Each structure stands twice: as structure tokens, then as C-alpha cells.
Protein backbone atom coordinates (compact mmCIF):
# COMPACT_ATOMS: atom_id res chain seq x y z
CA MET A 1 119.38 112.88 113.05
CA ASN A 2 115.53 113.35 113.35
CA VAL A 3 114.19 110.00 114.28
CA LEU A 4 110.77 109.74 113.13
CA GLN A 5 108.51 107.96 115.19
CA VAL A 6 106.07 105.49 113.14
CA LEU A 7 103.14 103.49 114.02
CA VAL A 8 101.45 101.02 110.98
CA VAL A 9 98.22 100.59 111.16
CA ASP A 10 96.88 97.64 109.08
CA ASP A 11 94.54 94.45 109.11
CA GLU A 12 96.80 92.54 106.71
CA PRO A 13 99.71 90.97 108.42
CA PRO A 14 101.85 90.56 105.09
CA ALA A 15 101.01 94.37 104.24
CA VAL A 16 102.29 95.78 108.31
CA ASP A 17 105.67 93.84 107.18
CA GLU A 18 105.44 94.37 103.40
CA LEU A 19 105.81 97.96 104.75
CA CYS A 20 107.85 97.63 107.80
CA PHE A 21 110.69 96.01 105.65
CA PHE A 22 110.39 99.44 103.68
CA LEU A 23 110.20 101.69 106.08
CA GLY A 24 113.22 99.28 108.53
CA SER A 25 116.08 100.85 105.50
CA HIS A 26 115.65 103.85 106.42
CA ASP A 27 117.76 104.73 109.83
CA ASP A 28 116.55 108.23 110.68
CA ILE A 29 112.67 105.60 111.36
CA SER A 30 111.40 104.48 114.63
CA ILE A 31 108.55 102.06 114.37
CA VAL A 32 106.32 102.82 117.91
CA ALA A 33 104.14 100.04 117.41
CA THR A 34 101.57 98.56 115.04
CA ALA A 35 98.22 98.44 115.60
CA GLY A 36 95.15 95.76 113.15
CA SER A 37 92.70 98.04 114.26
CA ALA A 38 91.32 101.42 114.73
CA THR A 39 90.86 100.99 118.20
CA GLN A 40 93.94 99.26 118.82
CA ALA A 41 96.24 102.24 117.19
CA LEU A 42 93.93 104.95 119.45
CA ARG A 43 95.18 103.20 122.74
CA ILE A 44 98.77 103.42 121.85
CA LEU A 45 98.69 106.88 120.68
CA ASP A 46 96.91 107.38 123.55
CA ARG A 47 100.16 106.13 125.46
CA HIS A 48 103.26 107.02 122.77
CA ASP A 49 104.27 110.17 121.08
CA VAL A 50 103.72 109.49 117.08
CA ASP A 51 105.39 111.74 114.21
CA VAL A 52 103.55 109.87 111.48
CA VAL A 53 101.38 106.84 111.21
CA PHE A 54 100.92 105.03 108.14
CA LEU A 55 97.03 104.40 108.47
CA ASP A 56 95.12 101.91 106.32
CA ILE A 57 91.39 103.35 105.57
CA ASP A 58 89.82 99.88 105.15
CA LEU A 59 90.07 98.19 108.79
CA PRO A 60 87.42 96.11 110.71
CA ASP A 61 86.26 98.75 112.73
CA LEU A 62 86.30 102.38 112.24
CA ASP A 63 87.81 103.27 108.96
CA GLY A 64 91.14 105.47 109.10
CA LEU A 65 89.74 108.24 107.46
CA SER A 66 87.43 108.37 110.70
CA VAL A 67 90.78 108.01 112.59
CA ALA A 68 92.36 110.93 110.61
CA ARG A 69 89.85 113.38 111.88
CA PHE A 70 90.41 112.66 115.24
CA LEU A 71 94.01 112.53 115.22
CA ALA A 72 93.59 116.23 113.06
CA ARG A 73 91.59 117.66 116.12
CA LEU A 74 94.62 116.75 118.79
CA ALA A 75 96.87 120.08 119.90
CA GLN A 76 99.57 118.06 118.22
CA PRO A 77 97.90 115.75 115.52
CA PRO A 78 100.97 113.70 114.08
CA ALA A 79 101.27 113.19 109.76
CA ILE A 80 99.21 110.58 108.09
CA VAL A 81 100.14 109.05 105.30
CA PHE A 82 97.12 106.22 103.46
CA VAL A 83 97.69 103.13 102.35
CA THR A 84 95.18 101.62 100.89
CA ALA A 85 94.28 99.13 97.39
CA SER A 86 91.82 101.90 96.36
CA GLU A 87 92.34 105.11 94.79
CA HIS A 88 88.54 106.07 95.34
CA HIS A 89 89.19 108.00 98.90
CA ALA A 90 91.94 109.87 97.78
CA VAL A 91 90.28 113.59 97.72
CA ALA A 92 88.77 112.40 101.30
CA ALA A 93 92.58 111.77 101.96
CA PHE A 94 93.50 115.58 101.63
CA GLU A 95 90.24 117.23 102.60
CA VAL A 96 91.40 115.27 106.07
CA ARG A 97 95.31 116.75 105.80
CA ALA A 98 97.27 113.67 104.89
CA VAL A 99 100.81 113.82 103.71
CA ASP A 100 100.51 111.40 101.03
CA TYR A 101 98.31 108.26 99.63
CA LEU A 102 100.14 105.33 99.19
CA LEU A 103 98.56 102.17 96.95
CA LYS A 104 99.20 98.78 97.19
CA PRO A 105 100.95 97.29 96.25
CA LEU A 106 103.62 98.81 97.73
CA ARG A 107 107.26 100.07 96.18
CA ALA A 108 109.84 100.92 98.18
CA ASP A 109 111.13 104.34 95.78
CA ARG A 110 107.26 105.31 96.76
CA VAL A 111 107.99 104.97 99.74
CA THR A 112 111.41 106.69 100.10
CA GLU A 113 109.24 109.37 98.82
CA SER A 114 106.60 109.37 100.92
CA LEU A 115 108.25 109.50 103.63
CA ARG A 116 109.99 112.63 102.05
CA ARG A 117 107.39 114.26 102.00
CA VAL A 118 106.43 113.95 105.94
CA ARG A 119 109.74 115.35 106.36
CA ALA A 120 108.63 118.55 104.86
CA ALA A 121 104.89 118.40 105.46
CA LEU A 122 107.10 118.03 109.10
CA GLY A 123 109.65 120.84 108.50
CA ILE A 124 112.23 118.33 109.15
CA GLY A 125 115.18 119.54 107.46
CA THR A 126 113.50 122.80 105.77
CA GLY A 127 111.78 125.96 106.92
CA GLU A 128 108.61 124.81 105.08
CA VAL A 129 105.60 124.17 107.13
CA ARG A 130 104.10 122.11 104.55
CA GLU A 131 105.28 120.82 101.22
CA GLU A 132 103.13 123.07 98.24
CA PRO A 133 101.27 120.99 95.67
CA ARG A 134 103.32 121.51 92.45
CA THR A 135 102.32 124.18 89.91
CA ARG A 136 104.18 123.07 87.07
CA LEU A 137 105.20 119.62 85.10
CA PRO A 138 108.10 119.05 83.35
CA VAL A 139 107.80 117.28 79.88
CA GLU A 140 110.39 115.66 77.46
CA THR A 141 109.74 116.89 73.78
CA GLY A 142 112.32 116.66 71.50
CA GLY A 143 115.27 116.04 73.38
CA ARG A 144 114.06 119.51 75.50
CA THR A 145 112.20 119.77 78.60
CA VAL A 146 109.49 122.40 78.82
CA PHE A 147 107.16 122.35 81.64
CA VAL A 148 103.37 122.73 81.56
CA GLU A 149 101.75 124.96 84.52
CA ARG A 150 98.83 123.29 86.36
CA ASP A 151 97.06 126.73 85.41
CA ASP A 152 96.53 125.67 81.89
CA VAL A 153 95.72 122.47 82.11
CA LEU A 154 92.31 121.98 81.64
CA VAL A 155 92.29 117.96 81.95
CA VAL A 156 94.41 115.36 83.14
CA GLU A 157 93.80 111.76 81.41
CA ALA A 158 95.09 108.43 83.01
CA ALA A 159 97.12 106.83 80.63
CA ARG A 160 99.04 103.67 82.68
CA ASP A 161 101.95 105.15 85.11
CA TYR A 162 101.77 108.39 83.02
CA VAL A 163 98.89 110.98 82.89
CA ARG A 164 97.96 112.84 80.06
CA LEU A 165 97.70 116.92 80.57
CA HIS A 166 95.28 118.31 78.40
CA THR A 167 95.94 122.22 78.16
CA ALA A 168 93.24 124.41 75.43
CA ASP A 169 95.81 123.86 72.61
CA ARG A 170 98.20 120.81 73.16
CA SER A 171 98.08 117.90 75.01
CA HIS A 172 101.43 116.63 77.04
CA LEU A 173 102.12 113.23 78.39
CA VAL A 174 104.42 112.40 81.99
CA ARG A 175 105.08 110.22 83.56
CA VAL A 176 103.03 110.58 87.02
CA PRO A 177 99.30 108.50 88.26
CA ILE A 178 96.28 110.60 88.57
CA SER A 179 96.44 109.86 91.71
CA THR A 180 99.20 111.44 92.76
CA LEU A 181 98.05 115.06 91.36
CA GLU A 182 94.36 114.26 92.34
CA LEU A 183 95.89 114.33 95.45
CA GLU A 184 98.80 117.10 95.25
CA TRP A 185 95.20 119.05 93.34
CA ALA A 186 92.62 118.44 95.37
CA GLY A 187 92.79 121.89 97.10
CA VAL A 188 93.66 123.86 94.47
CA GLY A 189 90.53 123.07 91.87
CA PHE A 190 90.83 120.02 90.29
CA VAL A 191 88.58 117.19 91.27
CA ARG A 192 87.76 113.27 90.44
CA VAL A 193 85.54 112.35 87.98
CA HIS A 194 85.98 109.16 86.98
CA ARG A 195 88.53 106.48 86.87
CA GLY A 196 90.58 108.16 83.36
CA PHE A 197 89.64 111.81 84.35
CA LEU A 198 90.63 114.56 86.60
CA LEU A 199 89.52 118.16 85.73
CA ALA A 200 89.12 121.78 86.46
CA LEU A 201 86.77 123.01 87.83
CA ARG A 202 86.63 126.09 85.70
CA ALA A 203 86.55 124.49 82.73
CA VAL A 204 83.84 122.78 83.42
CA GLN A 205 80.98 124.53 81.26
CA GLU A 206 77.79 122.01 81.89
CA ILE A 207 76.65 119.16 83.30
CA ARG A 208 73.88 116.69 81.11
CA SER A 209 72.67 113.72 81.28
CA SER A 210 72.99 111.39 77.58
CA GLY A 211 72.33 108.43 76.90
CA GLY A 212 72.06 107.14 80.66
CA GLN A 213 75.62 109.10 81.59
CA THR A 214 76.86 111.89 83.04
CA VAL A 215 79.07 113.65 81.02
CA VAL A 216 80.81 117.17 81.57
CA ALA A 217 81.10 119.49 78.90
CA VAL A 218 84.64 121.49 79.05
CA VAL A 219 85.75 124.54 77.56
CA GLY A 220 89.23 126.13 77.09
CA VAL A 221 90.51 128.46 80.13
CA VAL A 222 89.61 131.64 78.05
CA GLY A 223 86.53 130.16 76.33
CA GLN A 224 88.47 128.50 73.24
CA PRO A 225 87.43 125.76 71.89
CA THR A 226 88.70 122.59 72.85
CA THR A 227 88.45 118.91 71.62
CA TRP A 228 87.39 117.48 75.10
CA ARG A 229 84.07 118.08 74.17
CA GLU A 230 82.61 115.59 76.78
CA ILE A 231 84.27 113.89 79.79
CA PRO A 232 82.36 111.18 81.79
CA VAL A 233 81.31 111.17 85.15
CA SER A 234 81.24 107.94 87.27
CA ARG A 235 78.16 107.69 89.62
CA THR A 236 81.15 107.46 92.44
CA HIS A 237 82.29 111.53 92.16
CA GLY A 238 79.42 112.79 90.22
CA ARG A 239 78.18 114.09 93.76
CA GLU A 240 81.51 115.22 94.55
CA LEU A 241 81.67 116.53 91.49
CA ARG A 242 77.93 119.00 92.20
CA GLU A 243 79.23 119.75 95.68
CA ARG A 244 82.34 121.65 94.06
CA LEU A 245 80.66 123.35 91.44
CA ILE A 246 78.30 124.61 94.00
CA GLN A 247 81.16 125.57 96.20
CA ARG A 248 82.94 127.20 93.97
CA ALA A 249 79.44 129.36 92.92
CA SER A 250 79.13 130.31 95.89
CA GLN A 251 82.28 131.35 96.31
CA GLY A 252 82.14 133.82 93.47
CA PRO A 253 84.39 134.47 90.04
CA ARG A 254 88.24 134.32 90.53
């Protein structure tokens, strides 16, 4: 059995205790140490070989994203799983090649799923180096299971623990958090533009201001009109959206 050497980094002791409790229920997990700051974590990593770091983003001395960027430059970097109370850093987490993005409060089943992703990313028990983002989602409808292709999705709308996937001709309700798809699909042409919306960059027709609110107009993949003409863009996501669109345009048509 391959035992994963784990470091837990969080400045809130109750959060550390909770995560260690969930991790401790797995026989193949060895918690090497815990740290309450980025500085302490880096000192531990300098002395110990660690397979995976469960890393809070909001730390008192250095944010977790900066720690992850530093670790990514190592010859053999550990896998990174972010643990945070905020959904706003999911895209940045994907860009530093985080394996997963856990939202507080934690759930035992979600931690188990995260460990599965870590094992896949490290090639433990599989022949793969890294788990690929899902390209289709199963949808239960009328007693049947149909599959929605990722490339057909224009807009993802949050609906509590579900999302509604809007394609050019219909919508589908799927039980998966929007933050999960945000993380998985950020590298394949999707961007979060609002707390309630994730959209495909290929579907963006224009960005404009309407009544003081930034919105994007979207069209179908093959130019078909859709009922989703305007999607709100929050201030925190507007800059990233523009940067991603400029980057996509500079790469030419796909």
C-alpha cells in the first residue's frame, strides 16, 4: 500500500483538527505535520518529503497561492489541495496546478473524493500522471440517463448544490457545485464571471455596460440564438474575463 505523506497548513486550529480527523480515517494517509503559517510550512517542507499539502489560502504571513507557486518550482513538487472558505480563488488555484479545491465547511465524502484525485494525479493505482477534466456530465431525465458534452455547454448557472447547464437548444440540471466545474474547466475555455455564472469563452459575443452593470452577450456555438442574451459580470471577475478573452483572441481561431 502506498502511504501518502501529508502536510496540513491552516492558521485556525479547529479547521486543522477537523481536516486531520477526516484524513485520519484513511489507512493510507500519514500526517507528517501541521503548520499554522506559510513560514512554518516551508520550514517543514525543507526537512521532510511530503506527497501532498492541504493548504489554506488565507494565511497570516503569506497567502497559500504564493506558497503553491513557490512549490511548483521544485524539482518534485508535492500535490496541492487548497482548503478555503472562499470560492473566489478557484481559477488561480487551477493555474498553479492544484489537484483540488475544498470549500469549508468540509464534508467527509468530499475529502475522500479529494484524496482520490490526489492518488490519480500522483499516478498511484493508475497508469495516468494526472486526472483529466471531465468532458461530459450525466443527466437523469424521464428515467433515462443522457450525457451532456462539455463542448456543447455555453453557460453554467449555479443553483445551490446543482448547476444548470445551458446549451444552444436546452438546459440540464446536474448535481455538482459550480466551484467544482470552475476548477475543472478553467483550463479548457471556461471562466467564472459572477457568483452564479460560469461561461464558455467561445460563446462570448461582446462585453458592455448596461445601467452601471457590466454584462456579456452570448451566442450559440454555431451562431444559433439562445435565451441567454446577457450574463452579469461582477467587478471581481471582470478583469480576468477581459484578459482571458484577449488571450484567446491572440491565439487565433480554434
